[in-house]
């Protein structure tokens, strides 16, 4: 894999800098952050980046480092700029701790608005037993070099959504079999597969897995729908610390009804391990068909 000319280390990456939270003096469990415009799609801050920000605050507040399961409800769209995260430790045990958090911003009228609410259980992924029994197959897709990225966009088309600052910060290559929507030929199956990494070459950890599950184009595009697909709820299960190298991600939607769709994700590392799973509920785009 040669998608980055230099490799950032943990703590040295733009992702680490942009998810860093600052404990507020005199207010235990409260953290300030300036949400970076670098992780936006159009004007909205990416939901995976937001989840990583709140998860980092909970990591600081709880006695364990790794989220095992984390669920977010997105109440209103977040915007770049100042935000406050208020955490609460619900239970702190020897091997597992639980907490909740809210991310809030101030609106144009000076009122505090809650953007998202999160509940999570934390532990130590490195201390989990080695016994693995899974019937889930790794996604079948071409090698990294044989998949397509933004530079492969046909004239007048784009294999990734619109003008997105997020695309400058990730290394994303899609399986051509799930990129037909970019040239007006969606498969209609509701599938999306691709290789994912951070553009500066930083290896993955638990926090970047939270970004990964929400970084591919939405499966709605493969269903022939274009437009914004806002997440209402996202739950992520983390199963292991990923091995170095790019991740393989498979997204699937099996049901779109009532203007809502689910999106199931599996994330596999270079050691062929299923390291994360997620499900999110999102609003379907209001546009009726791909161009």
Protein backbone atom coordinates (compact mmCIF):
# COMPACT_ATOMS: atom_id res chain seq x y z
CA UNK A 1 0.00 0.00 0.00
CA UNK A 2 1.47 3.33 -1.07
CA UNK A 3 -1.33 5.81 -0.56
CA UNK A 4 0.68 8.07 1.77
CA UNK A 5 4.18 9.38 1.20
CA UNK A 6 4.81 9.87 4.92
CA UNK A 7 3.42 7.99 7.88
CA UNK A 8 2.06 9.92 10.83
CA UNK A 9 2.31 8.27 14.22
CA UNK A 10 -0.42 8.11 16.84
CA UNK A 11 -0.69 11.53 18.43
CA UNK A 12 1.08 13.21 15.49
CA UNK A 13 -1.77 12.90 12.99
CA UNK A 14 -4.21 15.60 11.93
CA UNK A 15 -6.97 13.26 13.13
CA UNK A 16 -5.44 13.24 16.62
CA UNK A 17 -5.04 17.00 16.70
CA UNK A 18 -8.58 17.59 15.46
CA UNK A 19 -10.16 15.21 17.98
CA UNK A 20 -8.18 16.56 20.95
CA UNK A 21 -10.39 17.76 23.80
CA UNK A 22 -9.44 20.12 26.61
CA UNK A 23 -10.69 19.50 30.15
CA UNK A 24 -12.49 22.55 31.47
CA UNK A 25 -10.92 23.77 34.73
CA UNK A 26 -13.22 23.50 37.73
CA UNK A 27 -15.82 21.43 35.86
CA UNK A 28 -14.96 17.72 36.16
CA UNK A 29 -16.07 15.66 33.16
CA UNK A 30 -16.54 18.71 30.93
CA UNK A 31 -14.42 19.25 27.83
CA UNK A 32 -14.03 21.94 25.17
CA UNK A 33 -13.19 21.37 21.53
CA UNK A 34 -13.12 23.40 18.34
CA UNK A 35 -14.74 21.14 15.73
CA UNK A 36 -12.54 21.29 12.66
CA UNK A 37 -13.97 22.23 9.24
CA UNK A 38 -11.61 19.62 7.79
CA UNK A 39 -14.01 16.77 8.57
CA UNK A 40 -17.13 18.11 6.88
CA UNK A 41 -19.32 16.96 4.03
CA UNK A 42 -20.82 20.12 2.55
CA UNK A 43 -21.57 22.21 5.68
CA UNK A 44 -22.21 19.35 8.14
CA UNK A 45 -19.54 17.76 10.33
CA UNK A 46 -19.10 14.03 9.62
CA UNK A 47 -20.86 11.80 12.15
CA UNK A 48 -17.94 9.40 12.52
CA UNK A 49 -15.58 12.26 13.34
CA UNK A 50 -18.06 13.57 15.91
CA UNK A 51 -18.35 10.14 17.48
CA UNK A 52 -14.55 9.92 17.73
CA UNK A 53 -14.45 13.34 19.43
CA UNK A 54 -17.00 12.34 22.08
CA UNK A 55 -15.35 8.93 22.50
CA UNK A 56 -12.04 10.69 23.20
CA UNK A 57 -13.68 12.75 25.94
CA UNK A 58 -15.19 9.60 27.46
CA UNK A 59 -11.78 7.91 27.26
CA UNK A 60 -10.39 10.71 29.40
CA UNK A 61 -13.29 10.60 31.85
CA UNK A 62 -13.50 6.81 32.30
CA UNK A 63 -10.86 4.44 33.75
CA UNK A 64 -10.65 2.37 30.52
CA UNK A 65 -9.32 3.35 27.10
CA UNK A 66 -11.29 1.41 24.49
CA UNK A 67 -14.97 1.67 23.60
CA UNK A 68 -16.46 -1.82 23.29
CA UNK A 69 -19.88 -0.50 22.29
CA UNK A 70 -20.89 3.08 21.67
CA UNK A 71 -24.22 4.50 20.53
CA UNK A 72 -24.91 8.03 19.36
CA UNK A 73 -28.17 9.79 18.64
CA UNK A 74 -27.65 12.77 16.33
CA UNK A 75 -30.18 15.39 17.39
CA UNK A 76 -29.23 18.35 15.19
CA UNK A 77 -26.50 18.89 12.61
CA UNK A 78 -23.16 19.99 14.08
CA UNK A 79 -21.20 22.83 12.52
CA UNK A 80 -17.48 23.60 12.62
CA UNK A 81 -16.52 25.71 15.61
CA UNK A 82 -16.57 25.62 19.40
CA UNK A 83 -18.41 22.83 21.20
CA UNK A 84 -18.64 21.53 24.75
CA UNK A 85 -18.84 17.87 25.78
CA UNK A 86 -20.30 16.97 29.15
CA UNK A 87 -19.60 13.43 30.32
CA UNK A 88 -21.00 11.36 33.16
CA UNK A 89 -19.51 8.18 34.58
CA UNK A 90 -22.41 5.78 35.04
CA UNK A 91 -20.39 2.83 36.38
CA UNK A 92 -16.69 2.14 36.82
CA UNK A 93 -15.78 -1.52 37.28
CA UNK A 94 -12.56 -3.49 37.18
CA UNK A 95 -12.80 -4.62 33.54
CA UNK A 96 -15.67 -2.51 32.19
CA UNK A 97 -16.86 1.04 32.69
CA UNK A 98 -19.91 2.83 31.30
CA UNK A 99 -20.54 6.47 30.64
CA UNK A 100 -22.67 8.92 28.74
CA UNK A 101 -22.00 12.27 27.12
CA UNK A 102 -23.64 15.15 25.30
CA UNK A 103 -22.08 17.43 22.71
CA UNK A 104 -23.53 20.95 22.60
CA UNK A 105 -22.98 24.10 20.58
CA UNK A 106 -24.29 27.66 20.78
CA UNK A 107 -26.64 28.70 17.98
CA UNK A 108 -26.98 32.08 16.26
CA UNK A 109 -29.33 33.31 18.98
CA UNK A 110 -26.84 32.48 21.72
CA UNK A 111 -28.78 29.44 22.95
CA UNK A 112 -27.05 26.17 23.80
CA UNK A 113 -28.24 23.36 21.53
CA UNK A 114 -27.54 19.69 22.15
CA UNK A 115 -26.16 18.20 18.94
CA UNK A 116 -25.69 14.56 19.95
CA UNK A 117 -26.06 12.25 22.93
CA UNK A 118 -23.88 9.18 23.46
CA UNK A 119 -23.80 6.17 25.77
CA UNK A 120 -20.87 3.76 25.78
CA UNK A 121 -19.14 0.87 27.55
CA UNK A 122 -15.33 0.92 27.74
CA UNK A 123 -12.73 -1.73 28.49
CA UNK A 124 -9.34 -2.94 27.26
CA UNK A 125 -9.40 -4.45 23.76
CA UNK A 126 -5.89 -5.78 24.30
CA UNK A 127 -7.03 -7.86 27.27
CA UNK A 128 -9.77 -9.75 25.43
CA UNK A 129 -9.37 -13.54 25.02
CA UNK A 130 -7.99 -14.89 21.73
CA UNK A 131 -10.92 -17.25 21.12
CA UNK A 132 -12.58 -16.10 17.86
CA UNK A 133 -15.46 -17.94 16.20
CA UNK A 134 -17.02 -16.18 13.25
CA UNK A 135 -18.87 -17.25 10.13
CA UNK A 136 -18.62 -13.74 8.67
CA UNK A 137 -16.52 -13.70 5.48
CA UNK A 138 -14.13 -10.85 4.70
CA UNK A 139 -15.45 -8.68 1.86
CA UNK A 140 -14.58 -9.92 -1.58
CA UNK A 141 -13.10 -6.98 -3.45
CA UNK A 142 -10.14 -6.09 -5.68
CA UNK A 143 -6.72 -5.22 -4.31
CA UNK A 144 -6.06 -1.65 -3.19
CA UNK A 145 -4.38 -0.61 -6.45
CA UNK A 146 -7.29 -1.97 -8.51
CA UNK A 147 -9.95 0.06 -6.72
CA UNK A 148 -10.94 3.62 -7.64
CA UNK A 149 -10.33 6.90 -5.84
CA UNK A 150 -11.27 10.54 -6.40
CA UNK A 151 -8.49 10.91 -8.96
CA UNK A 152 -10.26 8.29 -11.13
CA UNK A 153 -13.46 10.34 -11.44
CA UNK A 154 -14.72 10.46 -15.02
CA UNK A 155 -15.14 13.86 -16.62
CA UNK A 156 -18.37 15.33 -15.33
CA UNK A 157 -18.68 12.73 -12.58
CA UNK A 158 -17.27 11.99 -9.15
CA UNK A 159 -16.93 8.61 -7.40
CA UNK A 160 -17.39 10.34 -4.06
CA UNK A 161 -19.95 12.84 -2.81
CA UNK A 162 -19.69 16.46 -3.78
CA UNK A 163 -17.23 18.94 -2.40
CA UNK A 164 -16.08 17.31 0.80
CA UNK A 165 -13.21 18.50 2.98
CA UNK A 166 -13.26 15.00 4.44
CA UNK A 167 -11.87 13.58 1.18
CA UNK A 168 -8.62 15.50 1.65
CA UNK A 169 -8.01 13.75 4.97
CA UNK A 170 -8.75 10.15 4.11
CA UNK A 171 -7.34 7.63 1.65
CA UNK A 172 -10.42 5.98 0.16
CA UNK A 173 -10.58 3.59 -2.77
CA UNK A 174 -13.88 2.02 -3.77
CA UNK A 175 -14.58 -1.39 -5.23
CA UNK A 176 -15.50 -0.59 -8.87
CA UNK A 177 -18.47 -2.97 -8.55
CA UNK A 178 -20.03 -0.57 -6.03
CA UNK A 179 -19.06 2.68 -7.77
CA UNK A 180 -21.32 2.50 -10.83
CA UNK A 181 -23.59 5.19 -9.35
CA UNK A 182 -20.81 7.71 -10.09
CA UNK A 183 -21.47 7.30 -13.83
CA UNK A 184 -25.24 7.00 -13.53
CA UNK A 185 -25.32 3.21 -13.26
CA UNK A 186 -26.11 2.23 -9.65
CA UNK A 187 -26.53 -1.49 -9.09
CA UNK A 188 -29.68 -1.14 -6.99
CA UNK A 189 -28.33 -3.61 -4.41
CA UNK A 190 -27.49 -1.06 -1.73
CA UNK A 191 -23.84 -2.13 -1.36
CA UNK A 192 -20.67 -0.10 -0.85
CA UNK A 193 -17.18 -1.55 -0.41
CA UNK A 194 -13.77 0.03 -0.22
CA UNK A 195 -10.32 0.38 1.30
CA UNK A 196 -9.99 3.07 3.95
CA UNK A 197 -7.09 4.84 5.63
CA UNK A 198 -6.07 8.26 6.86
CA UNK A 199 -4.33 10.40 4.25
CA UNK A 200 -1.27 11.00 6.43
CA UNK A 201 -0.72 7.25 6.85
CA UNK A 202 -1.55 7.07 10.56
CA UNK A 203 -2.30 3.51 11.61
CA UNK A 204 -5.72 2.76 12.98
CA UNK A 205 -6.87 2.48 16.57
CA UNK A 206 -10.22 2.32 18.32
CA UNK A 207 -11.01 6.00 17.70
CA UNK A 208 -10.25 5.94 13.99
CA UNK A 209 -12.49 2.86 13.62
CA UNK A 210 -15.35 5.11 14.70
CA UNK A 211 -14.54 7.40 11.78
CA UNK A 212 -14.15 4.46 9.40
CA UNK A 213 -17.68 3.13 9.79
CA UNK A 214 -19.12 6.45 8.56
CA UNK A 215 -16.53 7.48 5.95
CA UNK A 216 -17.62 5.66 2.78
CA UNK A 217 -20.25 7.11 0.45
CA UNK A 218 -23.74 6.13 1.61
CA UNK A 219 -25.34 2.95 0.27
CA UNK A 220 -28.28 5.11 -0.86
CA UNK A 221 -26.12 6.11 -3.84
CA UNK A 222 -26.00 2.48 -4.97
CA UNK A 223 -29.80 2.38 -4.65
CA UNK A 224 -30.02 5.18 -7.21
CA UNK A 225 -30.63 8.02 -4.75
CA UNK A 226 -28.53 11.18 -4.49
CA UNK A 227 -28.43 13.80 -1.77
CA UNK A 228 -27.71 14.20 1.92
CA UNK A 229 -28.19 11.08 4.07
CA UNK A 230 -28.27 12.40 7.66
CA UNK A 231 -27.61 9.84 10.40
CA UNK A 232 -30.21 9.60 13.15
CA UNK A 233 -28.55 6.88 15.25
CA UNK A 234 -25.24 5.02 15.02
CA UNK A 235 -24.08 2.07 17.11
CA UNK A 236 -20.55 0.68 16.80
CA UNK A 237 -19.16 -2.53 18.30
CA UNK A 238 -15.36 -2.69 18.47
CA UNK A 239 -13.92 -6.21 18.53
CA UNK A 240 -10.13 -5.79 18.37
CA UNK A 241 -7.34 -3.27 17.93
CA UNK A 242 -6.63 -3.24 14.19
CA UNK A 243 -3.36 -4.37 12.64
CA UNK A 244 -1.32 -1.72 10.75
CA UNK A 245 -2.42 -0.90 7.23
CA UNK A 246 -5.62 0.03 5.39
CA UNK A 247 -9.00 -1.29 6.42
CA UNK A 248 -11.53 -3.06 4.21
CA UNK A 249 -15.08 -1.86 4.78
CA UNK A 250 -18.33 -3.34 3.50
CA UNK A 251 -21.64 -1.48 3.86
CA UNK A 252 -25.06 -2.95 3.13
CA UNK A 253 -28.63 -1.66 3.18
CA UNK A 254 -31.37 -4.29 3.10
CA UNK A 255 -34.42 -2.14 3.71
CA UNK A 256 -35.45 1.37 2.75
CA UNK A 257 -38.95 2.17 3.92
CA UNK A 258 -40.83 5.21 5.15
CA UNK A 259 -38.00 7.49 4.13
CA UNK A 260 -35.50 5.71 6.42
CA UNK A 261 -32.77 3.19 5.72
CA UNK A 262 -30.38 1.15 7.81
CA UNK A 263 -26.71 0.78 6.95
CA UNK A 264 -24.73 -2.17 8.31
CA UNK A 265 -20.93 -1.99 8.28
CA UNK A 266 -18.19 -4.57 8.75
CA UNK A 267 -14.59 -3.41 9.10
CA UNK A 268 -11.70 -5.84 8.49
CA UNK A 269 -7.99 -5.26 9.08
CA UNK A 270 -4.93 -6.51 7.20
CA UNK A 271 -4.80 -9.58 9.46
CA UNK A 272 -8.24 -10.65 8.13
CA UNK A 273 -9.92 -9.92 11.45
CA UNK A 274 -13.35 -8.41 11.85
CA UNK A 275 -12.36 -5.46 14.05
CA UNK A 276 -15.57 -3.41 14.08
CA UNK A 277 -19.24 -3.67 13.22
CA UNK A 278 -21.88 -0.97 13.12
CA UNK A 279 -25.47 -0.22 12.28
CA UNK A 280 -26.92 3.19 11.65
CA UNK A 281 -30.39 4.49 10.87
CA UNK A 282 -30.48 7.38 8.45
CA UNK A 283 -32.92 9.46 6.46
CA UNK A 284 -33.04 8.58 2.78
CA UNK A 285 -32.20 11.39 0.36
CA UNK A 286 -35.17 13.37 -0.82
CA UNK A 287 -33.90 13.40 -4.40
CA UNK A 288 -35.58 10.63 -6.37
CA UNK A 289 -32.82 9.33 -8.60
CA UNK A 290 -29.15 9.54 -9.46
CA UNK A 291 -28.20 11.84 -12.35
